[in-house]
Amino acid sequence: MGRVFIAQEPLKRDKGTGKMVRAFDLSEAEKFGELVILLPPGRIMLTPKKAKAMLRKGVKDFMNDDYLLLVGDQGAASLMCVVAAEMNRGRYTYLQWDRFMSEYIEVTVE
């Protein structure tokens, strides 16, 4: 089974506790593999060179059976796609949420 790479986990503040918690239920994505968060929370994309280096390190062994989950910071997700494609001969697969079927669909980009 592959892995599911997430550039930066989307978080929100819990109204009851005030703590930061996951903004979305990502359990359906776990059916495709282990979730791997690549960037820490915060405004990492204000330093894109540092973010790219961290993403490159995180997906250094990205393969055909791995997936990208494009949630959270749009800039980070876009950069993750670029880096994953560089690591895998221009190919990556991302998971697209289908709200009517309530499941992820695999979309391959080459």
PDB file of N, CA and C in Angstrom:
ATOM      1  N   MET A   1       0.837  -1.184   0.000  1.00  0.00           N
ATOM      2  CA  MET A   1       0.000   0.000   0.000  1.00  0.00           C
ATOM      3  C   MET A   1       0.877   1.239   0.000  1.00  0.00           C
ATOM      4  N   GLY A   2       0.428   2.262  -0.695  1.00  0.00           N
ATOM      5  CA  GLY A   2       1.190   3.493  -0.792  1.00  0.00           C
ATOM      6  C   GLY A   2       1.013   4.400   0.414  1.00  0.00           C
ATOM      7  N   ARG A   3       1.475   5.608   0.238  1.00  0.00           N
ATOM      8  CA  ARG A   3       1.340   6.640   1.266  1.00  0.00           C
ATOM      9  C   ARG A   3       0.534   7.799   0.690  1.00  0.00           C
ATOM     10  N   VAL A   4      -0.056   8.573   1.560  1.00  0.00           N
ATOM     11  CA  VAL A   4      -0.823   9.750   1.148  1.00  0.00           C
ATOM     12  C   VAL A   4      -0.116  10.975   1.713  1.00  0.00           C
ATOM     13  N   PHE A   5       0.487  11.747   0.822  1.00  0.00           N
ATOM     14  CA  PHE A   5       1.236  12.921   1.244  1.00  0.00           C
ATOM     15  C   PHE A   5       0.337  14.141   1.291  1.00  0.00           C
ATOM     16  N   ILE A   6       0.435  14.888   2.388  1.00  0.00           N
ATOM     17  CA  ILE A   6      -0.318  16.118   2.591  1.00  0.00           C
ATOM     18  C   ILE A   6       0.710  17.211   2.856  1.00  0.00           C
ATOM     19  N   ALA A   7       0.689  18.255   2.048  1.00  0.00           N
ATOM     20  CA  ALA A   7       1.687  19.316   2.205  1.00  0.00           C
ATOM     21  C   ALA A   7       1.619  19.925   3.598  1.00  0.00           C
ATOM     22  N   GLN A   8       0.414  20.331   3.989  1.00  0.00           N
ATOM     23  CA  GLN A   8       0.247  20.961   5.295  1.00  0.00           C
ATOM     24  C   GLN A   8      -1.160  20.648   5.786  1.00  0.00           C
ATOM     25  N   GLU A   9      -1.229  20.077   6.960  1.00  0.00           N
ATOM     26  CA  GLU A   9      -2.523  19.666   7.500  1.00  0.00           C
ATOM     27  C   GLU A   9      -3.402  20.881   7.786  1.00  0.00           C
ATOM     28  N   PRO A  10      -4.631  20.873   7.266  1.00  0.00           N
ATOM     29  CA  PRO A  10      -5.532  21.982   7.557  1.00  0.00           C
ATOM     30  C   PRO A  10      -6.061  21.886   8.988  1.00  0.00           C
ATOM     31  N   LEU A  11      -5.843  22.937   9.748  1.00  0.00           N
ATOM     32  CA  LEU A  11      -6.262  22.971  11.147  1.00  0.00           C
ATOM     33  C   LEU A  11      -7.276  24.091  11.374  1.00  0.00           C
ATOM     34  N   LYS A  12      -8.042  23.938  12.441  1.00  0.00           N
ATOM     35  CA  LYS A  12      -8.970  24.981  12.875  1.00  0.00           C
ATOM     36  C   LYS A  12      -8.986  24.991  14.400  1.00  0.00           C
ATOM     37  N   ARG A  13      -9.458  26.082  14.958  1.00  0.00           N
ATOM     38  CA  ARG A  13      -9.533  26.197  16.415  1.00  0.00           C
ATOM     39  C   ARG A  13     -10.849  25.598  16.908  1.00  0.00           C
ATOM     40  N   ASP A  14     -10.749  24.671  17.852  1.00  0.00           N
ATOM     41  CA  ASP A  14     -11.935  24.081  18.465  1.00  0.00           C
ATOM     42  C   ASP A  14     -12.586  25.137  19.357  1.00  0.00           C
ATOM     43  N   LYS A  15     -13.870  25.393  19.121  1.00  0.00           N
ATOM     44  CA  LYS A  15     -14.561  26.439  19.871  1.00  0.00           C
ATOM     45  C   LYS A  15     -14.677  26.120  21.362  1.00  0.00           C
ATOM     46  N   GLY A  16     -14.769  24.849  21.705  1.00  0.00           N
ATOM     47  CA  GLY A  16     -14.913  24.452  23.103  1.00  0.00           C
ATOM     48  C   GLY A  16     -13.626  24.525  23.892  1.00  0.00           C
ATOM     49  N   THR A  17     -12.540  24.009  23.300  1.00  0.00           N
ATOM     50  CA  THR A  17     -11.272  23.928  24.027  1.00  0.00           C
ATOM     51  C   THR A  17     -10.286  25.026  23.664  1.00  0.00           C
ATOM     52  N   GLY A  18     -10.475  25.633  22.494  1.00  0.00           N
ATOM     53  CA  GLY A  18      -9.525  26.643  22.036  1.00  0.00           C
ATOM     54  C   GLY A  18      -8.287  26.048  21.401  1.00  0.00           C
ATOM     55  N   LYS A  19      -8.188  24.709  21.367  1.00  0.00           N
ATOM     56  CA  LYS A  19      -7.020  24.039  20.788  1.00  0.00           C
ATOM     57  C   LYS A  19      -7.177  23.896  19.270  1.00  0.00           C
ATOM     58  N   MET A  20      -6.047  23.774  18.602  1.00  0.00           N
ATOM     59  CA  MET A  20      -6.052  23.551  17.158  1.00  0.00           C
ATOM     60  C   MET A  20      -6.320  22.066  16.894  1.00  0.00           C
ATOM     61  N   VAL A  21      -7.272  21.785  16.003  1.00  0.00           N
ATOM     62  CA  VAL A  21      -7.654  20.420  15.651  1.00  0.00           C
ATOM     63  C   VAL A  21      -7.767  20.309  14.128  1.00  0.00           C
ATOM     64  N   ARG A  22      -7.818  19.072  13.616  1.00  0.00           N
ATOM     65  CA  ARG A  22      -7.986  18.862  12.180  1.00  0.00           C
ATOM     66  C   ARG A  22      -9.254  19.538  11.679  1.00  0.00           C
ATOM     67  N   ALA A  23      -9.136  20.227  10.556  1.00  0.00           N
ATOM     68  CA  ALA A  23     -10.292  20.908   9.971  1.00  0.00           C
ATOM     69  C   ALA A  23     -11.215  19.932   9.238  1.00  0.00           C
ATOM     70  N   PHE A  24     -10.660  18.816   8.775  1.00  0.00           N
ATOM     71  CA  PHE A  24     -11.433  17.834   8.009  1.00  0.00           C
ATOM     72  C   PHE A  24     -11.193  16.438   8.551  1.00  0.00           C
ATOM     73  N   ASP A  25     -12.160  15.578   8.362  1.00  0.00           N
ATOM     74  CA  ASP A  25     -11.997  14.154   8.664  1.00  0.00           C
ATOM     75  C   ASP A  25     -11.275  13.532   7.469  1.00  0.00           C
ATOM     76  N   LEU A  26     -10.073  13.071   7.670  1.00  0.00           N
ATOM     77  CA  LEU A  26      -9.262  12.507   6.593  1.00  0.00           C
ATOM     78  C   LEU A  26      -9.250  10.978   6.599  1.00  0.00           C
ATOM     79  N   SER A  27     -10.164  10.373   7.349  1.00  0.00           N
ATOM     80  CA  SER A  27     -10.159   8.906   7.480  1.00  0.00           C
ATOM     81  C   SER A  27     -10.366   8.193   6.152  1.00  0.00           C
ATOM     82  N   GLU A  28     -11.134   8.763   5.239  1.00  0.00           N
ATOM     83  CA  GLU A  28     -11.330   8.120   3.929  1.00  0.00           C
ATOM     84  C   GLU A  28     -10.020   8.077   3.141  1.00  0.00           C
ATOM     85  N   ALA A  29      -9.167   9.065   3.316  1.00  0.00           N
ATOM     86  CA  ALA A  29      -7.874   9.090   2.629  1.00  0.00           C
ATOM     87  C   ALA A  29      -6.945   7.995   3.155  1.00  0.00           C
ATOM     88  N   GLU A  30      -7.124   7.615   4.422  1.00  0.00           N
ATOM     89  CA  GLU A  30      -6.278   6.579   5.013  1.00  0.00           C
ATOM     90  C   GLU A  30      -6.478   5.222   4.348  1.00  0.00           C
ATOM     91  N   LYS A  31      -7.561   5.045   3.619  1.00  0.00           N
ATOM     92  CA  LYS A  31      -7.782   3.798   2.881  1.00  0.00           C
ATOM     93  C   LYS A  31      -6.748   3.617   1.774  1.00  0.00           C
ATOM     94  N   PHE A  32      -6.104   4.717   1.367  1.00  0.00           N
ATOM     95  CA  PHE A  32      -5.110   4.671   0.298  1.00  0.00           C
ATOM     96  C   PHE A  32      -3.693   4.526   0.839  1.00  0.00           C
ATOM     97  N   GLY A  33      -3.526   4.654   2.141  1.00  0.00           N
ATOM     98  CA  GLY A  33      -2.208   4.500   2.742  1.00  0.00           C
ATOM     99  C   GLY A  33      -2.024   5.397   3.949  1.00  0.00           C
ATOM    100  N   GLU A  34      -0.846   5.309   4.522  1.00  0.00           N
ATOM    101  CA  GLU A  34      -0.494   6.112   5.696  1.00  0.00           C
ATOM    102  C   GLU A  34      -0.464   7.589   5.329  1.00  0.00           C
ATOM    103  N   LEU A  35      -1.060   8.427   6.164  1.00  0.00           N
ATOM    104  CA  LEU A  35      -1.024   9.872   5.941  1.00  0.00           C
ATOM    105  C   LEU A  35       0.327  10.416   6.394  1.00  0.00           C
ATOM    106  N   VAL A  36       0.962  11.196   5.517  1.00  0.00           N
ATOM    107  CA  VAL A  36       2.269  11.779   5.803  1.00  0.00           C
ATOM    108  C   VAL A  36       2.159  13.295   5.643  1.00  0.00           C
ATOM    109  N   ILE A  37       2.262  14.016   6.752  1.00  0.00           N
ATOM    110  CA  ILE A  37       2.210  15.486   6.744  1.00  0.00           C
ATOM    111  C   ILE A  37       3.627  15.996   6.515  1.00  0.00           C
ATOM    112  N   LEU A  38       3.815  16.855   5.510  1.00  0.00           N
ATOM    113  CA  LEU A  38       5.159  17.272   5.122  1.00  0.00           C
ATOM    114  C   LEU A  38       5.632  18.592   5.732  1.00  0.00           C
ATOM    115  N   LEU A  39       4.720  19.526   5.968  1.00  0.00           N
ATOM    116  CA  LEU A  39       5.107  20.840   6.476  1.00  0.00           C
ATOM    117  C   LEU A  39       4.443  21.117   7.824  1.00  0.00           C
ATOM    118  N   PRO A  40       5.116  21.872   8.675  1.00  0.00           N
ATOM    119  CA  PRO A  40       4.518  22.221   9.971  1.00  0.00           C
ATOM    120  C   PRO A  40       3.406  23.252   9.775  1.00  0.00           C
ATOM    121  N   PRO A  41       2.532  23.401  10.773  1.00  0.00           N
ATOM    122  CA  PRO A  41       1.500  24.432  10.678  1.00  0.00           C
ATOM    123  C   PRO A  41       2.120  25.824  10.645  1.00  0.00           C
ATOM    124  N   GLY A  42       1.382  26.769  10.124  1.00  0.00           N
ATOM    125  CA  GLY A  42       1.867  28.146  10.098  1.00  0.00           C
ATOM    126  C   GLY A  42       2.073  28.649   8.685  1.00  0.00           C
ATOM    127  N   ARG A  43       2.719  29.768   8.588  1.00  0.00           N
ATOM    128  CA  ARG A  43       2.895  30.460   7.307  1.00  0.00           C
ATOM    129  C   ARG A  43       4.210  30.096   6.636  1.00  0.00           C
ATOM    130  N   ILE A  44       4.437  28.831   6.447  1.00  0.00           N
ATOM    131  CA  ILE A  44       5.688  28.343   5.860  1.00  0.00           C
ATOM    132  C   ILE A  44       5.869  28.828   4.422  1.00  0.00           C
ATOM    133  N   MET A  45       4.779  29.080   3.708  1.00  0.00           N
ATOM    134  CA  MET A  45       4.901  29.494   2.312  1.00  0.00           C
ATOM    135  C   MET A  45       5.397  30.931   2.153  1.00  0.00           C
ATOM    136  N   LEU A  46       5.568  31.655   3.260  1.00  0.00           N
ATOM    137  CA  LEU A  46       6.192  32.969   3.182  1.00  0.00           C
ATOM    138  C   LEU A  46       7.685  32.830   2.906  1.00  0.00           C
ATOM    139  N   THR A  47       8.208  31.633   3.122  1.00  0.00           N
ATOM    140  CA  THR A  47       9.593  31.304   2.775  1.00  0.00           C
ATOM    141  C   THR A  47       9.570  30.094   1.833  1.00  0.00           C
ATOM    142  N   PRO A  48       9.195  30.309   0.550  1.00  0.00           N
ATOM    143  CA  PRO A  48       9.006  29.190  -0.375  1.00  0.00           C
ATOM    144  C   PRO A  48      10.259  28.342  -0.612  1.00  0.00           C
ATOM    145  N   LYS A  49      11.430  28.944  -0.535  1.00  0.00           N
ATOM    146  CA  LYS A  49      12.662  28.178  -0.735  1.00  0.00           C
ATOM    147  C   LYS A  49      12.806  27.121   0.368  1.00  0.00           C
ATOM    148  N   LYS A  50      12.534  27.522   1.608  1.00  0.00           N
ATOM    149  CA  LYS A  50      12.594  26.600   2.743  1.00  0.00           C
ATOM    150  C   LYS A  50      11.505  25.532   2.612  1.00  0.00           C
ATOM    151  N   ALA A  51      10.302  25.952   2.230  1.00  0.00           N
ATOM    152  CA  ALA A  51       9.185  25.006   2.064  1.00  0.00           C
ATOM    153  C   ALA A  51       9.511  23.976   0.980  1.00  0.00           C
ATOM    154  N   LYS A  52      10.086  24.429  -0.122  1.00  0.00           N
ATOM    155  CA  LYS A  52      10.427  23.502  -1.214  1.00  0.00           C
ATOM    156  C   LYS A  52      11.463  22.486  -0.753  1.00  0.00           C
ATOM    157  N   ALA A  53      12.444  22.939   0.004  1.00  0.00           N
ATOM    158  CA  ALA A  53      13.464  22.025   0.522  1.00  0.00           C
ATOM    159  C   ALA A  53      12.836  20.984   1.446  1.00  0.00           C
ATOM    160  N   MET A  54      11.903  21.402   2.284  1.00  0.00           N
ATOM    161  CA  MET A  54      11.232  20.474   3.200  1.00  0.00           C
ATOM    162  C   MET A  54      10.349  19.487   2.423  1.00  0.00           C
ATOM    163  N   LEU A  55       9.659  19.976   1.411  1.00  0.00           N
ATOM    164  CA  LEU A  55       8.822  19.096   0.590  1.00  0.00           C
ATOM    165  C   LEU A  55       9.678  18.095  -0.174  1.00  0.00           C
ATOM    166  N   ARG A  56      10.785  18.581  -0.738  1.00  0.00           N
ATOM    167  CA  ARG A  56      11.690  17.700  -1.487  1.00  0.00           C
ATOM    168  C   ARG A  56      12.209  16.573  -0.587  1.00  0.00           C
ATOM    169  N   LYS A  57      12.572  16.905   0.638  1.00  0.00           N
ATOM    170  CA  LYS A  57      13.040  15.895   1.589  1.00  0.00           C
ATOM    171  C   LYS A  57      11.917  14.912   1.923  1.00  0.00           C
ATOM    172  N   GLY A  58      10.707  15.423   2.083  1.00  0.00           N
ATOM    173  CA  GLY A  58       9.571  14.581   2.464  1.00  0.00           C
ATOM    174  C   GLY A  58       9.125  13.603   1.398  1.00  0.00           C
ATOM    175  N   VAL A  59       9.241  13.994   0.126  1.00  0.00           N
ATOM    176  CA  VAL A  59       8.785  13.122  -0.968  1.00  0.00           C
ATOM    177  C   VAL A  59       9.952  12.546  -1.775  1.00  0.00           C
ATOM    178  N   LYS A  60      11.126  12.492  -1.171  1.00  0.00           N
ATOM    179  CA  LYS A  60      12.318  12.061  -1.912  1.00  0.00           C
ATOM    180  C   LYS A  60      12.178  10.678  -2.531  1.00  0.00           C
ATOM    181  N   ASP A  61      11.352   9.818  -1.947  1.00  0.00           N
ATOM    182  CA  ASP A  61      11.162   8.471  -2.499  1.00  0.00           C
ATOM    183  C   ASP A  61       9.713   8.268  -2.968  1.00  0.00           C
ATOM    184  N   PHE A  62       9.096   9.342  -3.476  1.00  0.00           N
ATOM    185  CA  PHE A  62       7.732   9.289  -3.990  1.00  0.00           C
ATOM    186  C   PHE A  62       7.672   8.310  -5.169  1.00  0.00           C
ATOM    187  N   MET A  63       6.660   7.437  -5.181  1.00  0.00           N
ATOM    188  CA  MET A  63       6.546   6.401  -6.214  1.00  0.00           C
ATOM    189  C   MET A  63       5.126   6.370  -6.788  1.00  0.00           C
ATOM    190  N   ASN A  64       4.934   5.535  -7.804  1.00  0.00           N
ATOM    191  CA  ASN A  64       3.641   5.440  -8.482  1.00  0.00           C
ATOM    192  C   ASN A  64       2.496   5.029  -7.576  1.00  0.00           C
ATOM    193  N   ASP A  65       2.756   4.284  -6.520  1.00  0.00           N
ATOM    194  CA  ASP A  65       1.659   3.840  -5.652  1.00  0.00           C
ATOM    195  C   ASP A  65       1.392   4.803  -4.491  1.00  0.00           C
ATOM    196  N   ASP A  66       2.015   5.978  -4.526  1.00  0.00           N
ATOM    197  CA  ASP A  66       1.770   7.017  -3.529  1.00  0.00           C
ATOM    198  C   ASP A  66       0.749   8.018  -4.072  1.00  0.00           C
ATOM    199  N   TYR A  67       0.172   8.796  -3.170  1.00  0.00           N
ATOM    200  CA  TYR A  67      -0.863   9.762  -3.536  1.00  0.00           C
ATOM    201  C   TYR A  67      -0.581  11.112  -2.907  1.00  0.00           C
ATOM    202  N   LEU A  68      -1.139  12.149  -3.511  1.00  0.00           N
ATOM    203  CA  LEU A  68      -1.118  13.487  -2.942  1.00  0.00           C
ATOM    204  C   LEU A  68      -2.537  13.856  -2.548  1.00  0.00           C
ATOM    205  N   LEU A  69      -2.690  14.468  -1.403  1.00  0.00           N
ATOM    206  CA  LEU A  69      -3.980  14.968  -0.961  1.00  0.00           C
ATOM    207  C   LEU A  69      -3.865  16.483  -0.917  1.00  0.00           C
ATOM    208  N   LEU A  70      -4.605  17.163  -1.776  1.00  0.00           N
ATOM    209  CA  LEU A  70      -4.445  18.603  -1.984  1.00  0.00           C
ATOM    210  C   LEU A  70      -5.402  19.399  -1.098  1.00  0.00           C
ATOM    211  N   VAL A  71      -5.095  19.426   0.186  1.00  0.00           N
ATOM    212  CA  VAL A  71      -5.886  20.177   1.161  1.00  0.00           C
ATOM    213  C   VAL A  71      -4.968  21.168   1.862  1.00  0.00           C
ATOM    214  N   GLY A  72      -5.555  22.144   2.525  1.00  0.00           N
ATOM    215  CA  GLY A  72      -4.750  23.096   3.274  1.00  0.00           C
ATOM    216  C   GLY A  72      -4.262  24.238   2.396  1.00  0.00           C
ATOM    217  N   ASP A  73      -3.091  24.734   2.684  1.00  0.00           N
ATOM    218  CA  ASP A  73      -2.508  25.870   1.981  1.00  0.00           C
ATOM    219  C   ASP A  73      -2.352  25.563   0.493  1.00  0.00           C
ATOM    220  N   GLN A  74      -2.980  26.356  -0.352  1.00  0.00           N
ATOM    221  CA  GLN A  74      -2.962  26.113  -1.798  1.00  0.00           C
ATOM    222  C   GLN A  74      -1.560  26.207  -2.391  1.00  0.00           C
ATOM    223  N   GLY A  75      -0.776  27.158  -1.928  1.00  0.00           N
ATOM    224  CA  GLY A  75       0.595  27.289  -2.418  1.00  0.00           C
ATOM    225  C   GLY A  75       1.430  26.071  -2.066  1.00  0.00           C
ATOM    226  N   ALA A  76       1.285  25.591  -0.846  1.00  0.00           N
ATOM    227  CA  ALA A  76       2.029  24.407  -0.405  1.00  0.00           C
ATOM    228  C   ALA A  76       1.597  23.175  -1.191  1.00  0.00           C
ATOM    229  N   ALA A  77       0.293  23.024  -1.422  1.00  0.00           N
ATOM    230  CA  ALA A  77      -0.216  21.877  -2.185  1.00  0.00           C
ATOM    231  C   ALA A  77       0.297  21.921  -3.621  1.00  0.00           C
ATOM    232  N   SER A  78       0.301  23.098  -4.229  1.00  0.00           N
ATOM    233  CA  SER A  78       0.802  23.253  -5.603  1.00  0.00           C
ATOM    234  C   SER A  78       2.281  22.908  -5.693  1.00  0.00           C
ATOM    235  N   LEU A  79       3.038  23.414  -4.749  1.00  0.00           N
ATOM    236  CA  LEU A  79       4.475  23.137  -4.737  1.00  0.00           C
ATOM    237  C   LEU A  79       4.739  21.652  -4.498  1.00  0.00           C
ATOM    238  N   MET A  80       3.929  21.013  -3.665  1.00  0.00           N
ATOM    239  CA  MET A  80       4.069  19.574  -3.433  1.00  0.00           C
ATOM    240  C   MET A  80       3.879  18.796  -4.733  1.00  0.00           C
ATOM    241  N   CYS A  81       2.923  19.203  -5.567  1.00  0.00           N
ATOM    242  CA  CYS A  81       2.702  18.545  -6.860  1.00  0.00           C
ATOM    243  C   CYS A  81       3.933  18.659  -7.749  1.00  0.00           C
ATOM    244  N   VAL A  82       4.508  19.839  -7.801  1.00  0.00           N
ATOM    245  CA  VAL A  82       5.703  20.067  -8.617  1.00  0.00           C
ATOM    246  C   VAL A  82       6.851  19.178  -8.153  1.00  0.00           C
ATOM    247  N   VAL A  83       7.085  19.150  -6.860  1.00  0.00           N
ATOM    248  CA  VAL A  83       8.195  18.376  -6.299  1.00  0.00           C
ATOM    249  C   VAL A  83       7.962  16.877  -6.500  1.00  0.00           C
ATOM    250  N   ALA A  84       6.734  16.402  -6.268  1.00  0.00           N
ATOM    251  CA  ALA A  84       6.437  14.978  -6.459  1.00  0.00           C
ATOM    252  C   ALA A  84       6.644  14.580  -7.916  1.00  0.00           C
ATOM    253  N   ALA A  85       6.231  15.435  -8.845  1.00  0.00           N
ATOM    254  CA  ALA A  85       6.424  15.149 -10.266  1.00  0.00           C
ATOM    255  C   ALA A  85       7.911  15.075 -10.604  1.00  0.00           C
ATOM    256  N   GLU A  86       8.703  15.965 -10.041  1.00  0.00           N
ATOM    257  CA  GLU A  86      10.153  15.935 -10.264  1.00  0.00           C
ATOM    258  C   GLU A  86      10.756  14.618  -9.778  1.00  0.00           C
ATOM    259  N   MET A  87      10.251  14.121  -8.661  1.00  0.00           N
ATOM    260  CA  MET A  87      10.805  12.910  -8.062  1.00  0.00           C
ATOM    261  C   MET A  87      10.341  11.629  -8.768  1.00  0.00           C
ATOM    262  N   ASN A  88       9.266  11.713  -9.550  1.00  0.00           N
ATOM    263  CA  ASN A  88       8.668  10.502 -10.120  1.00  0.00           C
ATOM    264  C   ASN A  88       8.487  10.617 -11.641  1.00  0.00           C
ATOM    265  N   ARG A  89       9.496  11.139 -12.311  1.00  0.00           N
ATOM    266  CA  ARG A  89       9.506  11.208 -13.774  1.00  0.00           C
ATOM    267  C   ARG A  89       8.261  11.885 -14.351  1.00  0.00           C
ATOM    268  N   GLY A  90       7.817  12.955 -13.712  1.00  0.00           N
ATOM    269  CA  GLY A  90       6.709  13.747 -14.214  1.00  0.00           C
ATOM    270  C   GLY A  90       5.324  13.203 -13.912  1.00  0.00           C
ATOM    271  N   ARG A  91       5.216  12.184 -13.081  1.00  0.00           N
ATOM    272  CA  ARG A  91       3.923  11.537 -12.819  1.00  0.00           C
ATOM    273  C   ARG A  91       3.584  11.594 -11.329  1.00  0.00           C
ATOM    274  N   TYR A  92       2.327  11.880 -11.043  1.00  0.00           N
ATOM    275  CA  TYR A  92       1.812  11.762  -9.677  1.00  0.00           C
ATOM    276  C   TYR A  92       0.315  11.503  -9.748  1.00  0.00           C
ATOM    277  N   THR A  93      -0.214  10.966  -8.658  1.00  0.00           N
ATOM    278  CA  THR A  93      -1.653  10.728  -8.534  1.00  0.00           C
ATOM    279  C   THR A  93      -2.149  11.469  -7.301  1.00  0.00           C
ATOM    280  N   TYR A  94      -3.231  12.221  -7.501  1.00  0.00           N
ATOM    281  CA  TYR A  94      -3.820  12.903  -6.350  1.00  0.00           C
ATOM    282  C   TYR A  94      -5.218  12.363  -6.093  1.00  0.00           C
ATOM    283  N   LEU A  95      -5.692  12.601  -4.898  1.00  0.00           N
ATOM    284  CA  LEU A  95      -7.014  12.147  -4.486  1.00  0.00           C
ATOM    285  C   LEU A  95      -7.980  13.316  -4.553  1.00  0.00           C
ATOM    286  N   GLN A  96      -9.051  13.143  -5.321  1.00  0.00           N
ATOM    287  CA  GLN A  96     -10.085  14.166  -5.493  1.00  0.00           C
ATOM    288  C   GLN A  96     -11.334  13.718  -4.745  1.00  0.00           C
ATOM    289  N   TRP A  97     -11.825  14.542  -3.827  1.00  0.00           N
ATOM    290  CA  TRP A  97     -13.018  14.194  -3.069  1.00  0.00           C
ATOM    291  C   TRP A  97     -14.254  14.335  -3.942  1.00  0.00           C
ATOM    292  N   ASP A  98     -15.061  13.285  -4.005  1.00  0.00           N
ATOM    293  CA  ASP A  98     -16.334  13.304  -4.714  1.00  0.00           C
ATOM    294  C   ASP A  98     -17.432  13.448  -3.658  1.00  0.00           C
ATOM    295  N   ARG A  99     -18.016  14.612  -3.565  1.00  0.00           N
ATOM    296  CA  ARG A  99     -18.993  14.869  -2.497  1.00  0.00           C
ATOM    297  C   ARG A  99     -20.298  14.123  -2.706  1.00  0.00           C
ATOM    298  N   PHE A 100     -20.588  13.719  -3.936  1.00  0.00           N
ATOM    299  CA  PHE A 100     -21.815  12.963  -4.186  1.00  0.00           C
ATOM    300  C   PHE A 100     -21.663  11.502  -3.779  1.00  0.00           C
ATOM    301  N   MET A 101     -20.489  10.946  -4.019  1.00  0.00           N
ATOM    302  CA  MET A 101     -20.216   9.550  -3.670  1.00  0.00           C
ATOM    303  C   MET A 101     -19.640   9.417  -2.260  1.00  0.00           C
ATOM    304  N   SER A 102     -19.202  10.526  -1.669  1.00  0.00           N
ATOM    305  CA  SER A 102     -18.544  10.551  -0.353  1.00  0.00           C
ATOM    306  C   SER A 102     -17.336   9.628  -0.312  1.00  0.00           C
ATOM    307  N   GLU A 103     -16.482   9.763  -1.338  1.00  0.00           N
ATOM    308  CA  GLU A 103     -15.239   8.994  -1.406  1.00  0.00           C
ATOM    309  C   GLU A 103     -14.242   9.715  -2.294  1.00  0.00           C
ATOM    310  N   TYR A 104     -12.980   9.292  -2.182  1.00  0.00           N
ATOM    311  CA  TYR A 104     -11.932   9.876  -3.004  1.00  0.00           C
ATOM    312  C   TYR A 104     -11.829   9.126  -4.327  1.00  0.00           C
ATOM    313  N   ILE A 105     -11.529   9.875  -5.379  1.00  0.00           N
ATOM    314  CA  ILE A 105     -11.280   9.326  -6.707  1.00  0.00           C
ATOM    315  C   ILE A 105      -9.813   9.591  -7.024  1.00  0.00           C
ATOM    316  N   GLU A 106      -9.129   8.618  -7.604  1.00  0.00           N
ATOM    317  CA  GLU A 106      -7.732   8.766  -7.987  1.00  0.00           C
ATOM    318  C   GLU A 106      -7.651   9.477  -9.336  1.00  0.00           C
ATOM    319  N   VAL A 107      -6.808  10.524  -9.393  1.00  0.00           N
ATOM    320  CA  VAL A 107      -6.585  11.249 -10.640  1.00  0.00           C
ATOM    321  C   VAL A 107      -5.081  11.248 -10.892  1.00  0.00           C
ATOM    322  N   THR A 108      -4.676  10.689 -12.029  1.00  0.00           N
ATOM    323  CA  THR A 108      -3.241  10.611 -12.351  1.00  0.00           C
ATOM    324  C   THR A 108      -2.879  11.694 -13.354  1.00  0.00           C
ATOM    325  N   VAL A 109      -1.780  12.382 -13.056  1.00  0.00           N
ATOM    326  CA  VAL A 109      -1.248  13.435 -13.919  1.00  0.00           C
ATOM    327  C   VAL A 109       0.104  12.963 -14.441  1.00  0.00           C
ATOM    328  N   GLU A 110       0.282  13.065 -15.750  1.00  0.00           N
ATOM    329  CA  GLU A 110       1.581  12.676 -16.346  1.00  0.00           C
ATOM    330  C   GLU A 110       2.112  13.800 -17.186  1.00  0.00           C
TER     331      GLU A 110
END
